[in-house]
Structure formats: C-alpha cells, structure tokens
C-alpha cells in the first residue's frame, strides 16, 4: 500500500494544508452529512500528510484508507486513531453502499474534536523536525 517517495517540505505542508482546509469546512458547514464527510476526509488527508513526512506515498488500492488509518495510529502511537478512524470509515461505507446514514450534531462535534487533536499532533510532527 505504500511506496518510498521523497516529498519536498513544500509538498508535505501542502498535504497538511489540504487536511486542515477540509477540517475547517467540516467545522463551518451546517449540513451534518457534509460535516461528517469533510471530517472523515480530513482524517485521511492528515494521515497522508504524516506519511508523506516520513517518505511514504500511498497507493490508491482497495483498502488503502484502512492502511492510512492504521499507519497514522502506529506512527502517533495512539490506538484511538485506529478505533475512531475505522468507525468513521465503516459509517462512510454504509453511507456509500447501503442507502445512507444519519449523523447527529453530537457525533459530528465528537468527530471534529477528535480530528482536530489528531491534526494538531500531525502538525507538531511535521513542523518539529
């Protein structure tokens, strides 16, 4: 799922910026499904930014979101990322393939707060070295 690749610092920062932009949209939008989807993509993009910092490029293949979530949890040494990330991924898949889901305002707030913490940790890693 991953190949070694030398990203420039600018590319890594751009990947992080992309994740933070999606997180901002999740926080600002009023439609719960939009909030949820942007929160989820922010988590995946934050993982991609972290992986790019470590010289890993993600191949687009079946199951690659699972691998991004797992590797992000491994690098940050935090199993809650795998737990919450896979919960969100499963819900997203239900939305895609099983006729939709309903998300609550409370769930969206929890997801966004969680991803804000993950994004902050990823940002610290990227800007600390």
N, C-alpha and C. Protein backbone atom coordinates (compact mmCIF):
# COMPACT_ATOMS: atom_id res chain seq x y z
N UNK A 1 0.80 -1.20 0.00
CA UNK A 1 0.00 0.00 0.00
C UNK A 1 0.84 1.27 0.00
N UNK A 2 2.09 1.15 0.40
CA UNK A 2 2.97 2.32 0.48
C UNK A 2 4.22 2.07 -0.34
N UNK A 3 4.70 3.14 -0.95
CA UNK A 3 5.99 3.09 -1.64
C UNK A 3 6.83 4.24 -1.09
N UNK A 4 8.14 4.02 -1.07
CA UNK A 4 9.05 5.08 -0.63
C UNK A 4 9.03 6.19 -1.67
N UNK A 5 8.99 7.42 -1.21
CA UNK A 5 8.96 8.56 -2.10
C UNK A 5 9.52 9.76 -1.35
N UNK A 6 10.36 10.54 -2.00
CA UNK A 6 10.95 11.72 -1.36
C UNK A 6 10.08 12.94 -1.64
N UNK A 7 9.30 13.32 -0.65
CA UNK A 7 8.47 14.51 -0.77
C UNK A 7 9.29 15.73 -0.37
N UNK A 8 9.05 16.84 -1.02
CA UNK A 8 9.68 18.09 -0.60
C UNK A 8 8.93 18.60 0.64
N UNK A 9 9.59 19.43 1.44
CA UNK A 9 8.88 20.03 2.58
C UNK A 9 7.61 20.79 2.15
N UNK A 10 7.67 21.41 0.99
CA UNK A 10 6.51 22.13 0.48
C UNK A 10 5.34 21.18 0.19
N UNK A 11 5.65 20.02 -0.38
CA UNK A 11 4.60 19.03 -0.66
C UNK A 11 3.97 18.52 0.62
N UNK A 12 4.79 18.26 1.62
CA UNK A 12 4.28 17.79 2.91
C UNK A 12 3.36 18.84 3.51
N UNK A 13 3.80 20.10 3.50
CA UNK A 13 2.99 21.19 4.05
C UNK A 13 1.70 21.37 3.26
N UNK A 14 1.77 21.19 1.96
CA UNK A 14 0.56 21.30 1.13
C UNK A 14 -0.43 20.18 1.49
N UNK A 15 0.09 18.97 1.71
CA UNK A 15 -0.78 17.87 2.13
C UNK A 15 -1.46 18.20 3.45
N UNK A 16 -0.70 18.74 4.39
CA UNK A 16 -1.27 19.12 5.69
C UNK A 16 -2.31 20.22 5.51
N UNK A 17 -1.98 21.21 4.70
CA UNK A 17 -2.92 22.31 4.45
C UNK A 17 -4.23 21.81 3.87
N UNK A 18 -4.16 20.83 3.01
CA UNK A 18 -5.35 20.23 2.42
C UNK A 18 -6.22 19.58 3.50
N UNK A 19 -5.58 18.88 4.44
CA UNK A 19 -6.31 18.26 5.55
C UNK A 19 -6.96 19.32 6.44
N UNK A 20 -6.21 20.38 6.73
CA UNK A 20 -6.73 21.44 7.60
C UNK A 20 -7.88 22.20 6.94
N UNK A 21 -7.82 22.36 5.61
CA UNK A 21 -8.90 23.01 4.87
C UNK A 21 -10.19 22.19 5.00
N UNK A 22 -10.08 20.87 4.82
CA UNK A 22 -11.26 20.01 4.96
C UNK A 22 -11.81 20.04 6.38
N UNK A 23 -10.93 20.11 7.36
CA UNK A 23 -11.36 20.19 8.75
C UNK A 23 -12.11 21.50 9.00
N UNK A 24 -11.63 22.58 8.41
CA UNK A 24 -12.31 23.88 8.56
C UNK A 24 -13.70 23.82 7.93
N UNK A 25 -13.81 23.20 6.78
CA UNK A 25 -15.13 23.06 6.13
C UNK A 25 -16.05 22.24 7.03
N UNK A 26 -15.53 21.16 7.59
CA UNK A 26 -16.34 20.32 8.49
C UNK A 26 -16.84 21.14 9.68
N UNK A 27 -16.01 22.01 10.19
CA UNK A 27 -16.39 22.82 11.33
C UNK A 27 -17.38 23.92 11.01
N UNK A 28 -17.35 24.41 9.77
CA UNK A 28 -18.17 25.57 9.41
C UNK A 28 -19.50 25.21 8.77
N UNK A 29 -19.55 24.11 8.03
CA UNK A 29 -20.77 23.78 7.30
C UNK A 29 -21.90 23.43 8.26
N UNK A 30 -23.11 23.65 7.83
CA UNK A 30 -24.29 23.39 8.67
C UNK A 30 -24.92 22.03 8.38
N UNK A 31 -24.66 21.46 7.21
CA UNK A 31 -25.28 20.19 6.84
C UNK A 31 -24.48 19.05 7.47
N UNK A 32 -25.15 18.25 8.28
CA UNK A 32 -24.46 17.23 9.07
C UNK A 32 -23.71 16.21 8.20
N UNK A 33 -24.30 15.79 7.10
CA UNK A 33 -23.63 14.83 6.23
C UNK A 33 -22.36 15.43 5.62
N UNK A 34 -22.41 16.71 5.31
CA UNK A 34 -21.23 17.40 4.78
C UNK A 34 -20.16 17.49 5.87
N UNK A 35 -20.57 17.85 7.08
CA UNK A 35 -19.63 17.91 8.21
C UNK A 35 -18.93 16.57 8.39
N UNK A 36 -19.72 15.50 8.39
CA UNK A 36 -19.17 14.16 8.59
C UNK A 36 -18.19 13.80 7.47
N UNK A 37 -18.60 14.00 6.23
CA UNK A 37 -17.73 13.63 5.10
C UNK A 37 -16.44 14.42 5.08
N UNK A 38 -16.52 15.71 5.34
CA UNK A 38 -15.29 16.51 5.36
C UNK A 38 -14.41 16.17 6.57
N UNK A 39 -15.02 15.83 7.69
CA UNK A 39 -14.24 15.41 8.85
C UNK A 39 -13.48 14.13 8.51
N UNK A 40 -14.16 13.18 7.90
CA UNK A 40 -13.50 11.93 7.53
C UNK A 40 -12.37 12.16 6.54
N UNK A 41 -12.62 12.95 5.50
CA UNK A 41 -11.55 13.19 4.52
C UNK A 41 -10.39 13.94 5.15
N UNK A 42 -10.68 14.80 6.13
CA UNK A 42 -9.61 15.49 6.84
C UNK A 42 -8.72 14.50 7.58
N UNK A 43 -9.32 13.52 8.22
CA UNK A 43 -8.54 12.50 8.92
C UNK A 43 -7.64 11.74 7.95
N UNK A 44 -8.19 11.33 6.83
CA UNK A 44 -7.41 10.60 5.83
C UNK A 44 -6.29 11.48 5.29
N UNK A 45 -6.59 12.73 4.97
CA UNK A 45 -5.58 13.64 4.43
C UNK A 45 -4.51 13.98 5.47
N UNK A 46 -4.88 14.08 6.74
CA UNK A 46 -3.88 14.30 7.79
C UNK A 46 -2.93 13.10 7.85
N UNK A 47 -3.50 11.90 7.71
CA UNK A 47 -2.67 10.69 7.66
C UNK A 47 -1.74 10.71 6.46
N UNK A 48 -2.24 11.13 5.31
CA UNK A 48 -1.41 11.22 4.11
C UNK A 48 -0.28 12.22 4.32
N UNK A 49 -0.58 13.35 4.96
CA UNK A 49 0.45 14.34 5.26
C UNK A 49 1.53 13.75 6.16
N UNK A 50 1.10 13.05 7.20
CA UNK A 50 2.06 12.42 8.12
C UNK A 50 2.92 11.39 7.39
N UNK A 51 2.29 10.57 6.58
CA UNK A 51 3.04 9.55 5.83
C UNK A 51 4.00 10.21 4.86
N UNK A 52 3.58 11.29 4.21
CA UNK A 52 4.47 11.96 3.27
C UNK A 52 5.69 12.54 3.99
N UNK A 53 5.50 13.00 5.22
CA UNK A 53 6.62 13.49 6.03
C UNK A 53 7.66 12.39 6.24
N UNK A 54 7.19 11.16 6.39
CA UNK A 54 8.08 10.02 6.59
C UNK A 54 8.47 9.33 5.28
N UNK A 55 8.20 9.99 4.16
CA UNK A 55 8.64 9.46 2.88
C UNK A 55 7.85 8.27 2.37
N UNK A 56 6.59 8.20 2.73
CA UNK A 56 5.72 7.13 2.27
C UNK A 56 4.60 7.70 1.42
N UNK A 57 4.49 7.18 0.22
CA UNK A 57 3.41 7.57 -0.69
C UNK A 57 2.37 6.46 -0.69
N UNK A 58 1.11 6.85 -0.62
CA UNK A 58 0.02 5.89 -0.55
C UNK A 58 -0.41 5.53 -1.96
N UNK A 59 -0.52 4.23 -2.20
CA UNK A 59 -1.07 3.76 -3.48
C UNK A 59 -2.57 3.67 -3.35
N UNK A 60 -3.26 4.11 -4.39
CA UNK A 60 -4.71 4.01 -4.40
C UNK A 60 -5.10 2.59 -4.77
N UNK A 61 -5.50 1.83 -3.78
CA UNK A 61 -5.89 0.43 -3.99
C UNK A 61 -6.99 0.12 -2.98
N UNK A 62 -7.74 -0.91 -3.24
CA UNK A 62 -8.79 -1.30 -2.30
C UNK A 62 -8.21 -1.46 -0.90
N UNK A 63 -8.83 -0.83 0.06
CA UNK A 63 -8.38 -0.93 1.44
C UNK A 63 -7.34 0.09 1.85
N UNK A 64 -7.00 1.03 0.96
CA UNK A 64 -5.93 1.96 1.32
C UNK A 64 -6.32 2.91 2.46
N UNK A 65 -7.59 3.24 2.63
CA UNK A 65 -7.98 4.08 3.77
C UNK A 65 -7.71 3.36 5.09
N UNK A 66 -7.98 2.07 5.13
CA UNK A 66 -7.69 1.29 6.34
C UNK A 66 -6.21 1.39 6.68
N UNK A 67 -5.37 1.22 5.66
CA UNK A 67 -3.92 1.24 5.87
C UNK A 67 -3.44 2.62 6.32
N UNK A 68 -4.01 3.68 5.76
CA UNK A 68 -3.65 5.04 6.16
C UNK A 68 -3.99 5.24 7.64
N UNK A 69 -5.18 4.83 8.02
CA UNK A 69 -5.62 4.97 9.42
C UNK A 69 -4.71 4.16 10.35
N UNK A 70 -4.44 2.91 9.99
CA UNK A 70 -3.58 2.05 10.82
C UNK A 70 -2.18 2.63 10.96
N UNK A 71 -1.60 3.10 9.86
CA UNK A 71 -0.23 3.62 9.89
C UNK A 71 -0.17 4.93 10.68
N UNK A 72 -1.19 5.76 10.55
CA UNK A 72 -1.25 7.00 11.33
C UNK A 72 -1.28 6.68 12.82
N UNK A 73 -2.12 5.73 13.21
CA UNK A 73 -2.20 5.30 14.62
C UNK A 73 -0.87 4.75 15.09
N UNK A 74 -0.21 3.97 14.24
CA UNK A 74 1.08 3.37 14.59
C UNK A 74 2.14 4.45 14.79
N UNK A 75 2.25 5.38 13.86
CA UNK A 75 3.27 6.43 13.95
C UNK A 75 3.04 7.31 15.18
N UNK A 76 1.79 7.67 15.43
CA UNK A 76 1.48 8.54 16.56
C UNK A 76 1.30 7.76 17.87
N UNK A 77 1.45 6.43 17.78
CA UNK A 77 1.33 5.55 18.95
C UNK A 77 0.03 5.81 19.71
N UNK A 78 -1.08 5.71 18.98
CA UNK A 78 -2.39 6.01 19.55
C UNK A 78 -3.46 5.14 18.89
N UNK A 79 -3.85 4.08 19.57
CA UNK A 79 -4.84 3.16 19.02
C UNK A 79 -6.22 3.78 18.87
N UNK A 80 -6.48 4.87 19.61
CA UNK A 80 -7.79 5.51 19.47
C UNK A 80 -7.98 6.07 18.06
N UNK A 81 -6.87 6.38 17.37
CA UNK A 81 -6.96 6.84 15.98
C UNK A 81 -7.48 5.71 15.09
N UNK A 82 -6.97 4.51 15.31
CA UNK A 82 -7.45 3.36 14.55
C UNK A 82 -8.91 3.08 14.88
N UNK A 83 -9.26 3.15 16.15
CA UNK A 83 -10.63 2.87 16.56
C UNK A 83 -11.62 3.87 15.95
N UNK A 84 -11.36 5.15 16.17
CA UNK A 84 -12.27 6.18 15.69
C UNK A 84 -12.23 6.26 14.16
N UNK A 85 -11.05 6.17 13.59
CA UNK A 85 -10.92 6.23 12.14
C UNK A 85 -11.67 5.11 11.45
N UNK A 86 -11.57 3.90 11.98
CA UNK A 86 -12.27 2.77 11.37
C UNK A 86 -13.77 2.84 11.61
N UNK A 87 -14.18 3.40 12.73
CA UNK A 87 -15.61 3.64 12.95
C UNK A 87 -16.15 4.61 11.89
N UNK A 88 -15.43 5.69 11.68
CA UNK A 88 -15.85 6.66 10.68
C UNK A 88 -15.82 6.06 9.28
N UNK A 89 -14.81 5.28 8.99
CA UNK A 89 -14.70 4.64 7.67
C UNK A 89 -15.88 3.69 7.45
N UNK A 90 -16.22 2.93 8.46
CA UNK A 90 -17.35 2.00 8.35
C UNK A 90 -18.66 2.76 8.12
N UNK A 91 -18.83 3.85 8.83
CA UNK A 91 -20.06 4.67 8.65
C UNK A 91 -20.09 5.27 7.26
N UNK A 92 -18.95 5.73 6.78
CA UNK A 92 -18.88 6.29 5.43
C UNK A 92 -19.25 5.22 4.40
N UNK A 93 -18.74 4.01 4.61
CA UNK A 93 -19.07 2.92 3.68
C UNK A 93 -20.56 2.60 3.70
N UNK A 94 -21.17 2.63 4.87
CA UNK A 94 -22.62 2.43 4.95
C UNK A 94 -23.35 3.51 4.15
N UNK A 95 -22.85 4.73 4.27
CA UNK A 95 -23.45 5.84 3.53
C UNK A 95 -23.33 5.62 2.03
N UNK A 96 -22.16 5.15 1.59
CA UNK A 96 -21.91 4.92 0.17
C UNK A 96 -22.69 3.74 -0.39
N UNK A 97 -22.65 2.64 0.33
CA UNK A 97 -23.07 1.37 -0.25
C UNK A 97 -24.36 0.79 0.32
N UNK A 98 -24.91 1.40 1.36
CA UNK A 98 -26.09 0.80 2.00
C UNK A 98 -27.23 1.79 2.19
N UNK A 99 -27.34 2.72 1.30
CA UNK A 99 -28.51 3.59 1.35
C UNK A 99 -28.43 4.79 2.26
N UNK A 100 -27.27 5.11 2.74
CA UNK A 100 -27.11 6.32 3.53
C UNK A 100 -27.08 6.08 5.03
N UNK A 101 -26.66 7.12 5.73
CA UNK A 101 -26.62 7.11 7.19
C UNK A 101 -27.18 8.43 7.70
N UNK A 102 -27.52 8.45 8.95
CA UNK A 102 -27.89 9.69 9.62
C UNK A 102 -26.86 9.95 10.70
N UNK A 103 -26.29 11.13 10.66
CA UNK A 103 -25.35 11.51 11.71
C UNK A 103 -25.97 12.63 12.53
N UNK A 104 -25.65 12.65 13.80
CA UNK A 104 -26.19 13.68 14.68
C UNK A 104 -25.18 14.81 14.84
N UNK A 105 -25.69 15.92 15.32
CA UNK A 105 -24.83 17.07 15.62
C UNK A 105 -23.78 16.67 16.66
N UNK A 106 -24.21 15.90 17.67
CA UNK A 106 -23.30 15.46 18.73
C UNK A 106 -22.17 14.60 18.15
N UNK A 107 -22.52 13.66 17.27
CA UNK A 107 -21.49 12.81 16.64
C UNK A 107 -20.51 13.66 15.85
N UNK A 108 -21.03 14.59 15.07
CA UNK A 108 -20.16 15.44 14.26
C UNK A 108 -19.20 16.23 15.13
N UNK A 109 -19.71 16.77 16.24
CA UNK A 109 -18.84 17.53 17.16
C UNK A 109 -17.74 16.63 17.71
N UNK A 110 -18.09 15.41 18.09
CA UNK A 110 -17.09 14.47 18.62
C UNK A 110 -16.04 14.13 17.57
N UNK A 111 -16.49 13.85 16.36
CA UNK A 111 -15.56 13.53 15.28
C UNK A 111 -14.61 14.71 15.01
N UNK A 112 -15.18 15.88 14.91
CA UNK A 112 -14.37 17.06 14.60
C UNK A 112 -13.37 17.35 15.71
N UNK A 113 -13.80 17.29 16.97
CA UNK A 113 -12.86 17.50 18.08
C UNK A 113 -11.74 16.48 18.06
N UNK A 114 -12.09 15.23 17.80
CA UNK A 114 -11.08 14.18 17.74
C UNK A 114 -10.07 14.45 16.62
N UNK A 115 -10.57 14.79 15.44
CA UNK A 115 -9.69 15.01 14.30
C UNK A 115 -8.86 16.27 14.49
N UNK A 116 -9.41 17.28 15.17
CA UNK A 116 -8.60 18.46 15.49
C UNK A 116 -7.38 18.07 16.32
N UNK A 117 -7.58 17.17 17.27
CA UNK A 117 -6.45 16.70 18.10
C UNK A 117 -5.44 15.93 17.27
N UNK A 118 -5.92 15.06 16.39
CA UNK A 118 -5.02 14.30 15.52
C UNK A 118 -4.25 15.26 14.60
N UNK A 119 -4.97 16.20 13.99
CA UNK A 119 -4.33 17.15 13.08
C UNK A 119 -3.28 18.00 13.80
N UNK A 120 -3.56 18.37 15.03
CA UNK A 120 -2.58 19.13 15.83
C UNK A 120 -1.32 18.30 16.06
N UNK A 121 -1.49 17.04 16.35
CA UNK A 121 -0.33 16.15 16.57
C UNK A 121 0.46 15.98 15.28
N UNK A 122 -0.23 15.82 14.16
CA UNK A 122 0.44 15.68 12.87
C UNK A 122 1.21 16.96 12.56
N UNK A 123 0.59 18.10 12.79
CA UNK A 123 1.23 19.41 12.57
C UNK A 123 2.50 19.53 13.41
N UNK A 124 2.44 19.12 14.67
CA UNK A 124 3.62 19.19 15.54
C UNK A 124 4.75 18.33 15.00
N UNK A 125 4.44 17.14 14.51
CA UNK A 125 5.46 16.27 13.94
C UNK A 125 6.09 16.93 12.72
N UNK A 126 5.26 17.42 11.83
CA UNK A 126 5.76 17.99 10.58
C UNK A 126 6.60 19.24 10.82
N UNK A 127 6.20 20.07 11.77
CA UNK A 127 6.92 21.32 11.99
C UNK A 127 7.99 21.22 13.07
N UNK A 128 8.13 20.04 13.71
CA UNK A 128 9.13 19.91 14.77
C UNK A 128 10.50 19.52 14.24
N UNK A 129 10.54 18.95 13.04
CA UNK A 129 11.83 18.47 12.55
C UNK A 129 12.27 19.22 11.31
